[in-house]
Amino acid sequence: MDRIVSQTKYNRKQHKDFYKFHLLRRSGNIKLIYVVIAFMLIFAISSTVKADYTVKADRNSIMFSWIMFAVAVSFVPILLISKVNNVVKQETPERIKSTEKIEVSKIKFTRSNDMIEGKAVFGWTDIEVVCETDKYIYIYLAEDNGIFIVKDDIIEG
Protein backbone atom coordinates (compact mmCIF):
# COMPACT_ATOMS: atom_id res chain seq x y z
CA MET A 1 0.00 0.00 0.00
CA ASP A 2 1.76 3.11 -1.27
CA ARG A 3 -1.05 5.59 -0.78
CA ILE A 4 -4.46 6.22 0.72
CA VAL A 5 -7.14 8.15 -1.16
CA SER A 6 -10.25 9.56 0.44
CA GLN A 7 -13.07 11.29 -1.41
CA THR A 8 -15.67 13.00 0.78
CA LYS A 9 -18.78 14.99 -0.11
CA TYR A 10 -19.46 17.87 2.26
CA ASN A 11 -21.43 16.76 5.30
CA ARG A 12 -22.42 19.27 7.99
CA LYS A 13 -22.43 16.63 10.76
CA GLN A 14 -18.87 15.57 9.94
CA HIS A 15 -17.75 19.17 10.07
CA LYS A 16 -19.40 19.59 13.48
CA ASP A 17 -17.66 16.42 14.69
CA PHE A 18 -14.31 17.87 13.60
CA TYR A 19 -14.85 21.17 15.41
CA LYS A 20 -16.09 19.42 18.56
CA PHE A 21 -12.98 17.24 18.54
CA HIS A 22 -10.83 20.31 18.03
CA LEU A 23 -12.45 22.34 20.79
CA LEU A 24 -12.46 19.50 23.32
CA ARG A 25 -9.03 18.02 22.63
CA ARG A 26 -6.80 20.50 20.81
CA SER A 27 -7.90 24.01 21.70
CA GLY A 28 -6.18 25.98 24.45
CA ASN A 29 -9.40 27.86 25.22
CA ILE A 30 -11.20 24.80 26.55
CA LYS A 31 -8.21 24.00 28.77
CA LEU A 32 -8.57 27.45 30.34
CA ILE A 33 -12.26 26.82 30.92
CA TYR A 34 -11.46 23.48 32.60
CA VAL A 35 -8.99 25.27 34.89
CA VAL A 36 -11.64 27.85 35.83
CA ILE A 37 -14.16 25.07 36.54
CA ALA A 38 -11.62 23.22 38.68
CA PHE A 39 -10.91 26.43 40.59
CA MET A 40 -14.64 27.01 41.13
CA LEU A 41 -15.05 23.43 42.40
CA ILE A 42 -12.14 23.79 44.81
CA PHE A 43 -13.54 27.12 46.01
CA ALA A 44 -17.01 25.63 46.54
CA ILE A 45 -15.66 22.61 48.43
CA SER A 46 -13.34 24.81 50.49
CA SER A 47 -16.12 27.22 51.46
CA THR A 48 -18.38 24.28 52.36
CA VAL A 49 -15.75 22.63 54.57
CA LYS A 50 -14.65 25.84 56.34
CA ALA A 51 -18.12 27.28 56.89
CA ASP A 52 -19.70 28.00 60.24
CA TYR A 53 -23.26 26.84 59.60
CA THR A 54 -24.62 28.89 62.49
CA VAL A 55 -23.75 32.11 60.63
CA LYS A 56 -26.18 33.08 57.87
CA ALA A 57 -23.46 34.85 55.84
CA ASP A 58 -21.47 31.59 55.62
CA ARG A 59 -24.53 29.68 54.41
CA ASN A 60 -25.10 32.33 51.74
CA SER A 61 -21.44 32.15 50.74
CA ILE A 62 -21.68 28.36 50.35
CA MET A 63 -24.84 28.67 48.27
CA PHE A 64 -23.23 31.35 46.09
CA SER A 65 -20.07 29.30 45.47
CA TRP A 66 -22.04 26.19 44.44
CA ILE A 67 -24.31 28.25 42.17
CA MET A 68 -21.24 29.79 40.49
CA PHE A 69 -19.78 26.31 40.01
CA ALA A 70 -23.06 25.08 38.43
CA VAL A 71 -23.13 28.12 36.11
CA ALA A 72 -19.51 27.51 35.07
CA VAL A 73 -20.21 23.82 34.34
CA SER A 74 -23.38 24.70 32.39
CA PHE A 75 -21.51 27.32 30.40
CA VAL A 76 -19.12 24.82 28.75
CA PRO A 77 -21.67 22.91 26.61
CA ILE A 78 -23.44 26.15 25.67
CA LEU A 79 -20.14 27.73 24.62
CA LEU A 80 -19.08 24.61 22.71
CA ILE A 81 -22.36 24.20 20.83
CA SER A 82 -22.63 27.88 19.88
CA LYS A 83 -19.01 28.09 18.74
CA VAL A 84 -19.28 24.94 16.59
CA ASN A 85 -22.61 26.00 15.08
CA ASN A 86 -21.30 29.49 14.21
CA VAL A 87 -18.18 28.18 12.50
CA VAL A 88 -20.05 25.50 10.53
CA LYS A 89 -22.77 27.99 9.58
CA GLN A 90 -20.15 30.35 8.12
CA GLU A 91 -18.44 27.60 6.13
CA THR A 92 -21.51 25.71 4.90
CA PRO A 93 -22.53 27.98 1.97
CA GLU A 94 -19.14 27.78 0.27
CA ARG A 95 -18.75 24.03 0.78
CA ILE A 96 -22.30 22.71 0.53
CA LYS A 97 -21.89 21.11 -2.92
CA SER A 98 -18.19 20.37 -2.77
CA THR A 99 -16.28 17.12 -2.76
CA GLU A 100 -12.87 16.98 -1.14
CA LYS A 101 -10.19 14.53 -2.19
CA ILE A 102 -7.23 13.74 0.05
CA GLU A 103 -4.32 11.60 -1.08
CA VAL A 104 -1.79 10.44 1.49
CA SER A 105 1.48 8.84 0.42
CA LYS A 106 4.78 8.05 2.09
CA ILE A 107 6.22 11.36 0.87
CA LYS A 108 3.36 13.87 1.01
CA PHE A 109 -0.31 14.43 1.27
CA THR A 110 -2.45 16.36 -1.18
CA ARG A 111 -5.80 18.03 -0.59
CA SER A 112 -8.06 19.17 -3.42
CA ASN A 113 -11.63 20.40 -3.67
CA ASP A 114 -13.74 20.31 -6.80
CA MET A 115 -15.11 23.82 -6.05
CA ILE A 116 -11.65 25.38 -5.67
CA GLU A 117 -9.00 25.56 -8.36
CA GLY A 118 -5.65 23.99 -7.49
CA LYS A 119 -4.62 21.78 -4.63
CA ALA A 120 -2.66 22.01 -1.41
CA VAL A 121 0.40 19.79 -1.06
CA PHE A 122 2.12 19.17 2.29
CA GLY A 123 5.11 17.12 3.31
CA TRP A 124 5.11 15.02 6.45
CA THR A 125 7.43 17.57 8.08
CA ASP A 126 4.57 20.12 7.83
CA ILE A 127 2.29 17.97 9.99
CA GLU A 128 2.19 18.73 13.69
CA VAL A 129 0.08 15.80 14.88
CA VAL A 130 -2.23 13.06 13.59
CA CYS A 131 -5.16 11.91 15.75
CA GLU A 132 -7.40 8.93 15.04
CA THR A 133 -10.90 8.14 16.27
CA ASP A 134 -13.26 5.35 15.26
CA LYS A 135 -14.73 7.43 12.37
CA TYR A 136 -12.05 9.97 11.46
CA ILE A 137 -8.35 10.67 11.04
CA TYR A 138 -7.50 14.25 12.01
CA ILE A 139 -4.36 15.76 10.52
CA TYR A 140 -3.12 18.99 12.11
CA LEU A 141 -0.72 21.31 10.32
CA ALA A 142 -0.70 23.70 13.29
CA GLU A 143 -2.39 24.06 16.69
CA ASP A 144 -5.53 25.50 15.08
CA ASN A 145 -5.31 24.30 11.46
CA GLY A 146 -6.35 20.80 10.53
CA ILE A 147 -8.25 18.59 8.14
CA PHE A 148 -10.01 15.29 8.59
CA ILE A 149 -10.35 12.08 6.64
CA VAL A 150 -13.57 10.12 6.98
CA LYS A 151 -12.54 6.46 7.30
CA ASP A 152 -15.68 5.24 5.52
CA ASP A 153 -14.81 7.45 2.52
CA ILE A 154 -11.39 5.90 1.88
CA ILE A 155 -11.62 4.59 -1.67
CA GLU A 156 -8.06 3.32 -2.06
CA GLY A 157 -5.56 2.00 0.42
C-alpha atoms as a PDB file:
ATOM      1  CA  MET A   1       0.000   0.000   0.000  1.00  0.00           C
ATOM      2  CA  ASP A   2       1.762   3.109  -1.269  1.00  0.00           C
ATOM      3  CA  ARG A   3      -1.046   5.591  -0.775  1.00  0.00           C
ATOM      4  CA  ILE A   4      -4.456   6.216   0.718  1.00  0.00           C
ATOM      5  CA  VAL A   5      -7.138   8.147  -1.160  1.00  0.00           C
ATOM      6  CA  SER A   6     -10.254   9.564   0.439  1.00  0.00           C
ATOM      7  CA  GLN A   7     -13.071  11.289  -1.410  1.00  0.00           C
ATOM      8  CA  THR A   8     -15.673  12.997   0.781  1.00  0.00           C
ATOM      9  CA  LYS A   9     -18.778  14.986  -0.112  1.00  0.00           C
ATOM     10  CA  TYR A  10     -19.457  17.875   2.263  1.00  0.00           C
ATOM     11  CA  ASN A  11     -21.429  16.761   5.304  1.00  0.00           C
ATOM     12  CA  ARG A  12     -22.423  19.274   7.990  1.00  0.00           C
ATOM     13  CA  LYS A  13     -22.428  16.631  10.755  1.00  0.00           C
ATOM     14  CA  GLN A  14     -18.870  15.567   9.941  1.00  0.00           C
ATOM     15  CA  HIS A  15     -17.754  19.170  10.071  1.00  0.00           C
ATOM     16  CA  LYS A  16     -19.403  19.590  13.477  1.00  0.00           C
ATOM     17  CA  ASP A  17     -17.660  16.422  14.690  1.00  0.00           C
ATOM     18  CA  PHE A  18     -14.309  17.869  13.600  1.00  0.00           C
ATOM     19  CA  TYR A  19     -14.846  21.173  15.407  1.00  0.00           C
ATOM     20  CA  LYS A  20     -16.095  19.421  18.556  1.00  0.00           C
ATOM     21  CA  PHE A  21     -12.977  17.242  18.540  1.00  0.00           C
ATOM     22  CA  HIS A  22     -10.826  20.311  18.025  1.00  0.00           C
ATOM     23  CA  LEU A  23     -12.451  22.343  20.791  1.00  0.00           C
ATOM     24  CA  LEU A  24     -12.461  19.503  23.319  1.00  0.00           C
ATOM     25  CA  ARG A  25      -9.028  18.018  22.633  1.00  0.00           C
ATOM     26  CA  ARG A  26      -6.797  20.500  20.812  1.00  0.00           C
ATOM     27  CA  SER A  27      -7.903  24.011  21.704  1.00  0.00           C
ATOM     28  CA  GLY A  28      -6.179  25.984  24.446  1.00  0.00           C
ATOM     29  CA  ASN A  29      -9.402  27.860  25.222  1.00  0.00           C
ATOM     30  CA  ILE A  30     -11.199  24.804  26.554  1.00  0.00           C
ATOM     31  CA  LYS A  31      -8.212  24.005  28.774  1.00  0.00           C
ATOM     32  CA  LEU A  32      -8.566  27.447  30.343  1.00  0.00           C
ATOM     33  CA  ILE A  33     -12.264  26.818  30.924  1.00  0.00           C
ATOM     34  CA  TYR A  34     -11.458  23.480  32.598  1.00  0.00           C
ATOM     35  CA  VAL A  35      -8.991  25.272  34.888  1.00  0.00           C
ATOM     36  CA  VAL A  36     -11.642  27.846  35.827  1.00  0.00           C
ATOM     37  CA  ILE A  37     -14.163  25.074  36.535  1.00  0.00           C
ATOM     38  CA  ALA A  38     -11.620  23.217  38.680  1.00  0.00           C
ATOM     39  CA  PHE A  39     -10.905  26.429  40.591  1.00  0.00           C
ATOM     40  CA  MET A  40     -14.643  27.009  41.128  1.00  0.00           C
ATOM     41  CA  LEU A  41     -15.053  23.429  42.400  1.00  0.00           C
ATOM     42  CA  ILE A  42     -12.135  23.788  44.814  1.00  0.00           C
ATOM     43  CA  PHE A  43     -13.536  27.120  46.011  1.00  0.00           C
ATOM     44  CA  ALA A  44     -17.009  25.628  46.542  1.00  0.00           C
ATOM     45  CA  ILE A  45     -15.657  22.612  48.430  1.00  0.00           C
ATOM     46  CA  SER A  46     -13.343  24.812  50.494  1.00  0.00           C
ATOM     47  CA  SER A  47     -16.118  27.217  51.460  1.00  0.00           C
ATOM     48  CA  THR A  48     -18.379  24.282  52.358  1.00  0.00           C
ATOM     49  CA  VAL A  49     -15.755  22.626  54.573  1.00  0.00           C
ATOM     50  CA  LYS A  50     -14.651  25.837  56.335  1.00  0.00           C
ATOM     51  CA  ALA A  51     -18.124  27.277  56.893  1.00  0.00           C
ATOM     52  CA  ASP A  52     -19.704  28.000  60.237  1.00  0.00           C
ATOM     53  CA  TYR A  53     -23.265  26.836  59.597  1.00  0.00           C
ATOM     54  CA  THR A  54     -24.623  28.889  62.488  1.00  0.00           C
ATOM     55  CA  VAL A  55     -23.752  32.113  60.631  1.00  0.00           C
ATOM     56  CA  LYS A  56     -26.185  33.081  57.868  1.00  0.00           C
ATOM     57  CA  ALA A  57     -23.460  34.850  55.837  1.00  0.00           C
ATOM     58  CA  ASP A  58     -21.469  31.593  55.622  1.00  0.00           C
ATOM     59  CA  ARG A  59     -24.526  29.682  54.413  1.00  0.00           C
ATOM     60  CA  ASN A  60     -25.098  32.332  51.745  1.00  0.00           C
ATOM     61  CA  SER A  61     -21.438  32.148  50.738  1.00  0.00           C
ATOM     62  CA  ILE A  62     -21.681  28.356  50.350  1.00  0.00           C
ATOM     63  CA  MET A  63     -24.835  28.666  48.274  1.00  0.00           C
ATOM     64  CA  PHE A  64     -23.235  31.351  46.088  1.00  0.00           C
ATOM     65  CA  SER A  65     -20.069  29.300  45.467  1.00  0.00           C
ATOM     66  CA  TRP A  66     -22.044  26.188  44.444  1.00  0.00           C
ATOM     67  CA  ILE A  67     -24.308  28.250  42.169  1.00  0.00           C
ATOM     68  CA  MET A  68     -21.245  29.786  40.493  1.00  0.00           C
ATOM     69  CA  PHE A  69     -19.785  26.308  40.007  1.00  0.00           C
ATOM     70  CA  ALA A  70     -23.060  25.085  38.427  1.00  0.00           C
ATOM     71  CA  VAL A  71     -23.130  28.120  36.113  1.00  0.00           C
ATOM     72  CA  ALA A  72     -19.515  27.505  35.066  1.00  0.00           C
ATOM     73  CA  VAL A  73     -20.213  23.820  34.335  1.00  0.00           C
ATOM     74  CA  SER A  74     -23.382  24.702  32.389  1.00  0.00           C
ATOM     75  CA  PHE A  75     -21.514  27.316  30.398  1.00  0.00           C
ATOM     76  CA  VAL A  76     -19.124  24.817  28.751  1.00  0.00           C
ATOM     77  CA  PRO A  77     -21.674  22.911  26.610  1.00  0.00           C
ATOM     78  CA  ILE A  78     -23.437  26.155  25.667  1.00  0.00           C
ATOM     79  CA  LEU A  79     -20.142  27.725  24.623  1.00  0.00           C
ATOM     80  CA  LEU A  80     -19.078  24.614  22.709  1.00  0.00           C
ATOM     81  CA  ILE A  81     -22.357  24.200  20.826  1.00  0.00           C
ATOM     82  CA  SER A  82     -22.635  27.878  19.881  1.00  0.00           C
ATOM     83  CA  LYS A  83     -19.006  28.094  18.738  1.00  0.00           C
ATOM     84  CA  VAL A  84     -19.279  24.943  16.589  1.00  0.00           C
ATOM     85  CA  ASN A  85     -22.609  26.004  15.080  1.00  0.00           C
ATOM     86  CA  ASN A  86     -21.302  29.492  14.205  1.00  0.00           C
ATOM     87  CA  VAL A  87     -18.177  28.177  12.495  1.00  0.00           C
ATOM     88  CA  VAL A  88     -20.046  25.502  10.527  1.00  0.00           C
ATOM     89  CA  LYS A  89     -22.775  27.992   9.578  1.00  0.00           C
ATOM     90  CA  GLN A  90     -20.146  30.352   8.119  1.00  0.00           C
ATOM     91  CA  GLU A  91     -18.437  27.598   6.125  1.00  0.00           C
ATOM     92  CA  THR A  92     -21.507  25.707   4.901  1.00  0.00           C
ATOM     93  CA  PRO A  93     -22.535  27.982   1.970  1.00  0.00           C
ATOM     94  CA  GLU A  94     -19.143  27.784   0.270  1.00  0.00           C
ATOM     95  CA  ARG A  95     -18.750  24.033   0.781  1.00  0.00           C
ATOM     96  CA  ILE A  96     -22.301  22.715   0.534  1.00  0.00           C
ATOM     97  CA  LYS A  97     -21.894  21.111  -2.917  1.00  0.00           C
ATOM     98  CA  SER A  98     -18.193  20.366  -2.773  1.00  0.00           C
ATOM     99  CA  THR A  99     -16.281  17.115  -2.760  1.00  0.00           C
ATOM    100  CA  GLU A 100     -12.871  16.982  -1.139  1.00  0.00           C
ATOM    101  CA  LYS A 101     -10.188  14.528  -2.191  1.00  0.00           C
ATOM    102  CA  ILE A 102      -7.234  13.741   0.054  1.00  0.00           C
ATOM    103  CA  GLU A 103      -4.323  11.596  -1.082  1.00  0.00           C
ATOM    104  CA  VAL A 104      -1.795  10.442   1.486  1.00  0.00           C
ATOM    105  CA  SER A 105       1.476   8.840   0.417  1.00  0.00           C
ATOM    106  CA  LYS A 106       4.783   8.048   2.095  1.00  0.00           C
ATOM    107  CA  ILE A 107       6.224  11.359   0.875  1.00  0.00           C
ATOM    108  CA  LYS A 108       3.362  13.871   1.008  1.00  0.00           C
ATOM    109  CA  PHE A 109      -0.313  14.428   1.272  1.00  0.00           C
ATOM    110  CA  THR A 110      -2.455  16.357  -1.176  1.00  0.00           C
ATOM    111  CA  ARG A 111      -5.798  18.034  -0.586  1.00  0.00           C
ATOM    112  CA  SER A 112      -8.058  19.174  -3.423  1.00  0.00           C
ATOM    113  CA  ASN A 113     -11.626  20.404  -3.665  1.00  0.00           C
ATOM    114  CA  ASP A 114     -13.739  20.311  -6.804  1.00  0.00           C
ATOM    115  CA  MET A 115     -15.114  23.816  -6.052  1.00  0.00           C
ATOM    116  CA  ILE A 116     -11.652  25.377  -5.668  1.00  0.00           C
ATOM    117  CA  GLU A 117      -8.997  25.565  -8.358  1.00  0.00           C
ATOM    118  CA  GLY A 118      -5.647  23.992  -7.493  1.00  0.00           C
ATOM    119  CA  LYS A 119      -4.616  21.783  -4.626  1.00  0.00           C
ATOM    120  CA  ALA A 120      -2.662  22.007  -1.409  1.00  0.00           C
ATOM    121  CA  VAL A 121       0.404  19.788  -1.057  1.00  0.00           C
ATOM    122  CA  PHE A 122       2.118  19.169   2.286  1.00  0.00           C
ATOM    123  CA  GLY A 123       5.114  17.115   3.309  1.00  0.00           C
ATOM    124  CA  TRP A 124       5.110  15.024   6.446  1.00  0.00           C
ATOM    125  CA  THR A 125       7.427  17.568   8.080  1.00  0.00           C
ATOM    126  CA  ASP A 126       4.575  20.119   7.832  1.00  0.00           C
ATOM    127  CA  ILE A 127       2.294  17.972   9.989  1.00  0.00           C
ATOM    128  CA  GLU A 128       2.190  18.735  13.693  1.00  0.00           C
ATOM    129  CA  VAL A 129       0.085  15.796  14.876  1.00  0.00           C
ATOM    130  CA  VAL A 130      -2.226  13.062  13.592  1.00  0.00           C
ATOM    131  CA  CYS A 131      -5.162  11.913  15.750  1.00  0.00           C
ATOM    132  CA  GLU A 132      -7.399   8.931  15.043  1.00  0.00           C
ATOM    133  CA  THR A 133     -10.905   8.138  16.271  1.00  0.00           C
ATOM    134  CA  ASP A 134     -13.263   5.350  15.260  1.00  0.00           C
ATOM    135  CA  LYS A 135     -14.728   7.429  12.370  1.00  0.00           C
ATOM    136  CA  TYR A 136     -12.050   9.971  11.457  1.00  0.00           C
ATOM    137  CA  ILE A 137      -8.354  10.666  11.037  1.00  0.00           C
ATOM    138  CA  TYR A 138      -7.500  14.250  12.007  1.00  0.00           C
ATOM    139  CA  ILE A 139      -4.356  15.759  10.515  1.00  0.00           C
ATOM    140  CA  TYR A 140      -3.122  18.989  12.113  1.00  0.00           C
ATOM    141  CA  LEU A 141      -0.725  21.312  10.325  1.00  0.00           C
ATOM    142  CA  ALA A 142      -0.705  23.700  13.291  1.00  0.00           C
ATOM    143  CA  GLU A 143      -2.394  24.057  16.687  1.00  0.00           C
ATOM    144  CA  ASP A 144      -5.530  25.501  15.083  1.00  0.00           C
ATOM    145  CA  ASN A 145      -5.314  24.297  11.464  1.00  0.00           C
ATOM    146  CA  GLY A 146      -6.345  20.798  10.529  1.00  0.00           C
ATOM    147  CA  ILE A 147      -8.245  18.586   8.139  1.00  0.00           C
ATOM    148  CA  PHE A 148     -10.011  15.289   8.589  1.00  0.00           C
ATOM    149  CA  ILE A 149     -10.351  12.083   6.643  1.00  0.00           C
ATOM    150  CA  VAL A 150     -13.572  10.116   6.978  1.00  0.00           C
ATOM    151  CA  LYS A 151     -12.545   6.463   7.298  1.00  0.00           C
ATOM    152  CA  ASP A 152     -15.679   5.239   5.517  1.00  0.00           C
ATOM    153  CA  ASP A 153     -14.815   7.452   2.518  1.00  0.00           C
ATOM    154  CA  ILE A 154     -11.395   5.899   1.882  1.00  0.00           C
ATOM    155  CA  ILE A 155     -11.617   4.587  -1.672  1.00  0.00           C
ATOM    156  CA  GLU A 156      -8.063   3.321  -2.056  1.00  0.00           C
ATOM    157  CA  GLY A 157      -5.557   2.001   0.418  1.00  0.00           C
END
